[in-house]
Amino acid sequence: MAAMEKILSKAEIEALLNAVFEGRIEPEKELSKAEGAVASYDLINTDAHKGFVPNLDIIYDSFIRYNRVNLSNRLRKSVEIKKIGARSYKFDDFLQTLPSPACMGIFKIEPLKGAALISFDSTLVLSLVDSLLGGTGNAKVPLANRMFTSIEVRLMEKIVGDALQDLEKAWAPLYATHMNLLRMEMNPRLVNIVPPEYQIVTMSLKIQIDDVSGNMMFAVPYMTIDPIRDKLKTGMQFDLMAIDPQWSFRLSSEILEAPMETTVEMGNASITLRELLDLTPGDTIMLDNACSSEMVVKVEGVPKYFGIPGIKHGNKAIQISKICTNRGQ
């Protein structure tokens, strides 16, 4: 009986097409090779699928800056976040590394395809929950095989929501996304964001809250990032990563509402210290300008306009006549 021809899986087909598009495989040369001298390719674990995604760690650096501030404000405690490192797994192998139970949030990075995962270990979950409820963060609850309560999961959903907002900000300078939380999960065996043989890229973060530390992990399928891999590779101005895209607009709006002191200089006069000490109510000081002449209008002490004094609705007023071009005047 003839051996059955091996059928490529969907992941292998995608890997093969990517290899062709990136020039790592040339079909003409492969077809021209003599029979028996065919080179072998690992279509799943090629360099493009070993989890190396250029500059992705910079996005997580930006996420850490945002999340450290927001988490500290929510817990009213000092929080430190550090990167442990990035790794690539087949999804099935990754699930074997997760403890059970673990607090996991499954989310979509819209408009990119597929779903991603954020995971918290039990120690971190109980510390966060205890801190949110006003405790010290040193929860004395047995961890072994204890499933999280609905209240704990609900509180962690708020933490996950904050983290996804911060991740969305971190992605913004590179690619406009919307992080949409789909559901919370505790059992890794019930998580199925991609088929078992698909590659995912993980980033582990260590979160330190006072004397308690725990791990938070992101897991993103390679197929989700692949469409924008070239954009990551060619790079962008990552020094803009910490800048909010709406920062310039908001700054302009705030500046326009800033209060400023405006004064009108009616004239000048020079008197001696003796004359100053001798002044009494009713005395008159003669200025060097007539009341009908143009007066200097100063904004925060800087000459900006000239104007004519007058009365408007019973109030003293000045009508701007021209712009002061001589700032030293």
Protein backbone atom coordinates (compact mmCIF):
# COMPACT_ATOMS: atom_id res chain seq x y z
CA MET A 1 0.00 0.00 0.00
CA ALA A 2 1.38 3.37 -0.95
CA ALA A 3 2.10 5.74 1.90
CA MET A 4 -0.49 8.48 2.30
CA GLU A 5 0.68 11.93 1.35
CA LYS A 6 1.20 14.18 4.39
CA ILE A 7 -1.32 17.03 4.52
CA LEU A 8 0.00 20.38 5.79
CA SER A 9 -1.82 21.94 8.70
CA LYS A 10 -3.17 25.50 8.52
CA ALA A 11 -0.25 26.77 10.63
CA GLU A 12 2.28 25.06 8.34
CA ILE A 13 0.64 26.55 5.25
CA GLU A 14 0.80 30.07 6.77
CA ALA A 15 4.44 29.51 7.72
CA LEU A 16 5.28 28.30 4.20
CA LEU A 17 3.59 31.31 2.56
CA ASN A 18 5.38 33.71 4.92
CA ALA A 19 8.71 32.05 4.10
CA VAL A 20 8.06 32.52 0.37
CA PHE A 21 6.97 36.15 0.73
CA GLU A 22 9.99 36.99 2.86
CA GLY A 23 12.39 35.37 0.39
CA ARG A 24 13.64 32.62 2.70
CA ILE A 25 12.32 30.00 0.24
CA GLU A 26 12.56 30.40 -3.55
CA PRO A 27 10.05 28.06 -5.27
CA GLU A 28 11.99 27.95 -8.55
CA LYS A 29 15.16 26.76 -6.87
CA GLU A 30 13.29 24.21 -4.80
CA LEU A 31 11.63 22.74 -7.90
CA SER A 32 14.93 22.56 -9.77
CA LYS A 33 16.70 20.56 -7.06
CA ALA A 34 17.48 16.99 -7.93
CA GLU A 35 15.31 14.29 -6.45
CA GLY A 36 16.77 12.97 -3.23
CA ALA A 37 18.53 16.27 -2.45
CA VAL A 38 15.51 18.04 -1.03
CA ALA A 39 16.26 20.34 1.91
CA SER A 40 14.03 19.99 4.96
CA TYR A 41 12.24 22.95 6.57
CA ASP A 42 10.61 23.15 9.95
CA LEU A 43 7.53 25.08 8.92
CA ILE A 44 6.35 25.74 12.48
CA ASN A 45 9.65 26.62 14.15
CA THR A 46 11.27 28.79 11.50
CA ASP A 47 13.05 31.96 12.59
CA ALA A 48 9.90 33.95 11.89
CA HIS A 49 7.99 31.72 14.28
CA LYS A 50 10.45 31.56 17.17
CA GLY A 51 8.68 34.44 18.83
CA PHE A 52 11.12 37.13 17.79
CA VAL A 53 9.05 40.22 17.15
CA PRO A 54 11.28 43.28 16.75
CA ASN A 55 10.58 46.23 19.03
CA LEU A 56 7.60 44.55 20.72
CA ASP A 57 9.39 44.89 24.06
CA ILE A 58 9.29 48.68 23.65
CA ILE A 59 5.50 48.52 23.68
CA TYR A 60 5.63 46.68 26.99
CA ASP A 61 8.08 49.27 28.36
CA SER A 62 5.48 51.91 27.60
CA PHE A 63 2.75 49.74 29.16
CA ILE A 64 4.79 49.47 32.37
CA ARG A 65 5.05 53.25 32.66
CA TYR A 66 1.29 53.68 32.31
CA ASN A 67 0.24 50.72 34.46
CA ARG A 68 2.60 51.48 37.34
CA VAL A 69 0.93 54.86 37.85
CA ASN A 70 -2.66 53.63 37.43
CA LEU A 71 -2.20 50.58 39.64
CA SER A 72 -0.53 52.64 42.36
CA ASN A 73 -3.41 55.11 42.29
CA ARG A 74 -6.07 52.38 42.45
CA LEU A 75 -4.39 50.50 45.31
CA ARG A 76 -3.03 53.62 47.06
CA LYS A 77 0.23 51.73 47.45
CA SER A 78 3.65 51.89 45.88
CA VAL A 79 3.80 49.48 42.93
CA GLU A 80 6.86 48.43 40.96
CA ILE A 81 6.66 46.55 37.66
CA LYS A 82 9.65 44.92 35.95
CA LYS A 83 10.03 42.81 32.83
CA ILE A 84 11.07 39.20 33.41
CA GLY A 85 11.39 38.37 29.73
CA ALA A 86 9.72 37.33 26.49
CA ARG A 87 9.36 33.75 25.27
CA SER A 88 7.73 31.88 22.45
CA TYR A 89 5.69 28.71 22.92
CA LYS A 90 3.36 26.50 21.04
CA PHE A 91 0.03 27.34 22.63
CA ASP A 92 -0.45 23.85 24.04
CA ASP A 93 2.98 23.98 25.72
CA PHE A 94 2.22 27.42 27.13
CA LEU A 95 -0.96 26.18 28.82
CA GLN A 96 1.10 23.55 30.62
CA THR A 97 3.15 26.32 32.29
CA LEU A 98 0.10 28.06 33.77
CA PRO A 99 -0.87 27.19 37.36
CA SER A 100 -4.41 26.12 38.12
CA PRO A 101 -6.25 28.12 39.17
CA ALA A 102 -5.00 31.29 37.50
CA CYS A 103 -6.91 34.49 36.90
CA MET A 104 -6.99 35.05 33.15
CA GLY A 105 -8.59 37.65 30.94
CA ILE A 106 -9.22 36.82 27.29
CA PHE A 107 -9.30 39.88 25.06
CA LYS A 108 -9.26 40.95 21.43
CA ILE A 109 -6.83 43.45 19.94
CA GLU A 110 -9.20 44.98 17.43
CA PRO A 111 -8.92 45.23 14.44
CA LEU A 112 -6.19 42.53 14.49
CA LYS A 113 -7.41 38.96 14.19
CA GLY A 114 -7.46 36.41 16.96
CA ALA A 115 -7.65 36.74 20.75
CA ALA A 116 -4.94 37.32 23.35
CA LEU A 117 -4.52 36.49 27.03
CA ILE A 118 -3.50 38.25 30.24
CA SER A 119 -2.81 36.07 33.27
CA PHE A 120 -2.21 36.69 37.01
CA ASP A 121 -0.89 34.09 39.45
CA SER A 122 -2.76 33.31 42.69
CA THR A 123 -0.36 35.19 44.96
CA LEU A 124 -0.76 38.38 42.96
CA VAL A 125 -4.54 37.98 42.70
CA LEU A 126 -5.07 37.63 46.44
CA SER A 127 -2.71 40.53 47.18
CA LEU A 128 -4.51 42.78 44.70
CA VAL A 129 -7.95 41.82 46.02
CA ASP A 130 -6.88 42.35 49.64
CA SER A 131 -5.45 45.78 48.78
CA LEU A 132 -8.57 46.80 46.84
CA LEU A 133 -10.71 45.95 49.89
CA GLY A 134 -8.56 48.10 52.18
CA GLY A 135 -6.29 45.38 53.53
CA THR A 136 -2.52 45.25 53.85
CA GLY A 137 -2.11 43.17 50.69
CA ASN A 138 -0.70 40.21 52.67
CA ALA A 139 -3.63 37.83 52.31
CA LYS A 140 -3.36 34.77 54.61
CA VAL A 141 -5.57 32.49 52.49
CA PRO A 142 -4.50 28.94 51.50
CA LEU A 143 -3.62 28.96 47.83
CA ALA A 144 -3.59 25.25 47.03
CA ASN A 145 -6.42 24.29 44.67
CA ARG A 146 -8.67 27.11 45.84
CA MET A 147 -10.79 28.56 43.08
CA PHE A 148 -11.35 32.30 43.14
CA THR A 149 -14.70 33.57 44.36
CA SER A 150 -17.05 35.55 42.12
CA ILE A 151 -16.23 38.72 44.11
CA GLU A 152 -12.48 38.19 43.60
CA VAL A 153 -12.98 37.63 39.88
CA ARG A 154 -15.17 40.73 39.63
CA LEU A 155 -12.53 42.86 41.37
CA MET A 156 -9.81 41.43 39.13
CA GLU A 157 -11.93 42.29 36.11
CA LYS A 158 -11.45 45.97 37.03
CA ILE A 159 -7.68 45.46 37.28
CA VAL A 160 -7.67 43.72 33.88
CA GLY A 161 -9.77 46.55 32.41
CA ASP A 162 -7.22 49.12 33.63
CA ALA A 163 -4.36 47.05 32.22
CA LEU A 164 -6.03 46.78 28.80
CA GLN A 165 -6.58 50.55 28.67
CA ASP A 166 -2.88 51.06 29.44
CA LEU A 167 -1.92 48.49 26.80
CA GLU A 168 -4.11 50.31 24.28
CA LYS A 169 -2.24 53.56 25.03
CA ALA A 170 1.09 51.76 24.64
CA TRP A 171 0.07 50.45 21.20
CA ALA A 172 -1.34 53.79 20.01
CA PRO A 173 1.86 55.35 18.56
CA LEU A 174 2.45 52.21 16.48
CA TYR A 175 -1.02 51.02 15.55
CA ALA A 176 -4.47 52.21 16.61
CA THR A 177 -6.14 49.38 18.51
CA HIS A 178 -9.05 48.76 20.84
CA MET A 179 -8.55 46.22 23.63
CA ASN A 180 -11.87 44.49 24.19
CA LEU A 181 -12.19 42.13 27.18
CA LEU A 182 -14.20 39.05 26.18
CA ARG A 183 -14.36 37.08 29.42
CA MET A 184 -12.54 36.09 32.60
CA GLU A 185 -11.41 32.50 33.13
CA MET A 186 -9.77 30.49 35.95
CA ASN A 187 -9.08 27.08 34.41
CA PRO A 188 -6.30 27.05 31.75
CA ARG A 189 -7.89 23.96 30.18
CA LEU A 190 -10.91 26.07 29.20
CA VAL A 191 -8.80 28.63 27.34
CA ASN A 192 -8.55 28.15 23.58
CA ILE A 193 -7.49 31.37 21.88
CA VAL A 194 -5.67 29.53 19.04
CA PRO A 195 -5.21 25.89 17.97
CA PRO A 196 -2.70 23.95 20.16
CA GLU A 197 0.12 23.92 17.57
CA TYR A 198 0.06 27.68 16.89
CA GLN A 199 2.88 29.90 18.14
CA ILE A 200 2.31 32.58 20.76
CA VAL A 201 4.62 35.27 22.08
CA THR A 202 4.59 35.88 25.83
CA MET A 203 5.88 38.66 28.07
CA SER A 204 6.23 38.05 31.80
CA LEU A 205 6.14 40.96 34.24
CA LYS A 206 6.93 40.94 37.95
CA ILE A 207 4.66 43.17 40.06
CA GLN A 208 5.90 44.18 43.50
CA ILE A 209 3.32 45.57 45.97
CA ASP A 210 5.08 46.46 49.22
CA ASP A 211 6.51 43.11 50.39
CA VAL A 212 4.41 40.91 48.11
CA SER A 213 5.30 40.07 44.53
CA GLY A 214 3.60 38.09 41.80
CA ASN A 215 3.63 37.58 38.06
CA MET A 216 1.49 39.00 35.31
CA MET A 217 1.83 37.56 31.82
CA PHE A 218 0.65 38.57 28.36
CA ALA A 219 0.27 35.94 25.63
CA VAL A 220 -0.37 37.13 22.07
CA PRO A 221 -0.64 34.75 19.07
CA TYR A 222 2.02 35.23 16.44
CA MET A 223 -0.68 35.32 13.76
CA THR A 224 -2.18 38.38 15.50
CA ILE A 225 1.06 40.36 15.28
CA ASP A 226 2.22 39.02 11.92
CA PRO A 227 0.21 41.49 9.75
CA ILE A 228 2.02 44.44 11.35
CA ARG A 229 5.39 42.73 11.80
CA ASP A 230 6.93 44.77 9.00
CA LYS A 231 5.77 47.96 10.68
CA LEU A 232 7.47 46.82 13.86
CA LYS A 233 10.58 45.80 11.94
CA THR A 234 10.94 49.03 9.94
CA GLY A 235 10.34 50.89 13.15
CA MET A 236 8.86 54.20 14.08
CA GLN A 237 9.80 57.09 16.30
CA PHE A 238 9.57 55.15 19.55
CA ASP A 239 10.65 58.22 21.47
CA LEU A 240 7.05 59.35 20.89
CA MET A 241 5.79 56.25 22.72
CA ALA A 242 5.30 58.09 26.02
CA ILE A 243 3.35 60.92 24.37
CA ASP A 244 -0.43 60.75 24.43
CA PRO A 245 -1.74 61.27 20.87
CA GLN A 246 -4.27 63.76 22.28
CA TRP A 247 -1.65 65.55 24.38
CA SER A 248 -1.16 68.51 22.02
CA PHE A 249 -4.91 69.12 21.66
CA ARG A 250 -5.54 68.95 25.40
CA LEU A 251 -2.55 71.19 26.16
CA SER A 252 -3.83 73.83 23.73
CA SER A 253 -7.31 73.69 25.28
CA GLU A 254 -5.94 74.08 28.80
CA ILE A 255 -3.67 76.98 27.81
CA LEU A 256 -6.61 78.84 26.24
CA GLU A 257 -8.42 78.65 29.61
CA ALA A 258 -5.43 79.86 31.65
CA PRO A 259 -6.17 83.12 33.58
CA MET A 260 -3.98 86.11 32.74
CA GLU A 261 -3.62 89.49 34.41
CA THR A 262 -4.25 92.54 32.21
CA THR A 263 -3.27 96.06 33.31
CA VAL A 264 -3.58 99.49 31.69
CA GLU A 265 -0.80 101.96 32.26
CA MET A 266 -2.44 105.39 32.43
CA GLY A 267 0.82 107.33 32.74
CA ASN A 268 3.89 107.94 34.85
CA ALA A 269 5.00 110.50 37.40
CA SER A 270 8.15 111.00 39.45
CA ILE A 271 8.00 112.20 43.04
CA THR A 272 10.43 112.25 45.90
CA LEU A 273 10.19 110.02 48.93
CA ARG A 274 9.35 113.12 51.03
CA GLU A 275 6.46 114.00 48.69
CA LEU A 276 5.24 110.38 48.93
CA LEU A 277 5.25 110.49 52.73
CA ASP A 278 3.41 113.83 52.72
CA LEU A 279 0.55 112.65 50.48
CA THR A 280 -2.92 112.93 52.04
CA PRO A 281 -6.42 112.05 50.79
CA GLY A 282 -7.48 114.53 48.10
CA ASP A 283 -3.97 115.27 46.81
CA THR A 284 -3.53 115.07 43.03
CA ILE A 285 -0.58 113.52 41.17
CA MET A 286 -0.05 114.86 37.67
CA LEU A 287 0.75 112.15 35.10
CA ASP A 288 2.75 112.64 31.92
CA ASN A 289 -0.13 111.48 29.65
CA ALA A 290 -3.45 113.13 28.95
CA CYS A 291 -6.54 111.05 29.75
CA SER A 292 -7.56 111.13 26.08
CA SER A 293 -4.25 109.81 24.73
CA GLU A 294 -3.47 106.16 23.95
CA MET A 295 -2.47 104.04 26.92
CA VAL A 296 -0.30 100.92 27.06
CA VAL A 297 -2.16 97.66 27.79
CA LYS A 298 0.06 95.06 29.45
CA VAL A 299 -0.63 91.32 29.70
CA GLU A 300 1.29 89.68 32.57
CA GLY A 301 3.54 92.75 32.62
CA VAL A 302 4.37 92.57 28.89
CA PRO A 303 3.19 95.47 26.62
CA LYS A 304 0.77 94.01 24.06
CA TYR A 305 -1.67 96.72 22.89
CA PHE A 306 -2.51 100.42 22.87
CA GLY A 307 -5.99 101.57 23.77
CA ILE A 308 -8.27 104.58 24.39
CA PRO A 309 -9.81 104.85 27.88
CA GLY A 310 -13.57 105.29 28.31
CA ILE A 311 -16.74 104.11 30.08
CA LYS A 312 -18.78 101.02 29.10
CA HIS A 313 -22.06 100.21 30.91
CA GLY A 314 -20.94 102.32 33.82
CA ASN A 315 -17.58 100.53 34.11
CA LYS A 316 -14.14 101.86 33.33
CA ALA A 317 -13.01 100.31 30.03
CA ILE A 318 -10.42 100.62 27.31
CA GLN A 319 -10.87 100.22 23.55
CA ILE A 320 -7.96 98.51 21.79
CA SER A 321 -6.61 100.80 19.08
CA LYS A 322 -3.52 98.99 17.84
CA ILE A 323 -1.05 96.20 18.63
CA CYS A 324 2.16 97.10 20.42
CA THR A 325 5.01 96.00 18.18
CA ASN A 326 7.78 97.43 20.37
CA ARG A 327 7.93 94.93 23.24
CA GLY A 328 10.51 96.97 25.06
CA GLN A 329 8.19 99.97 25.34
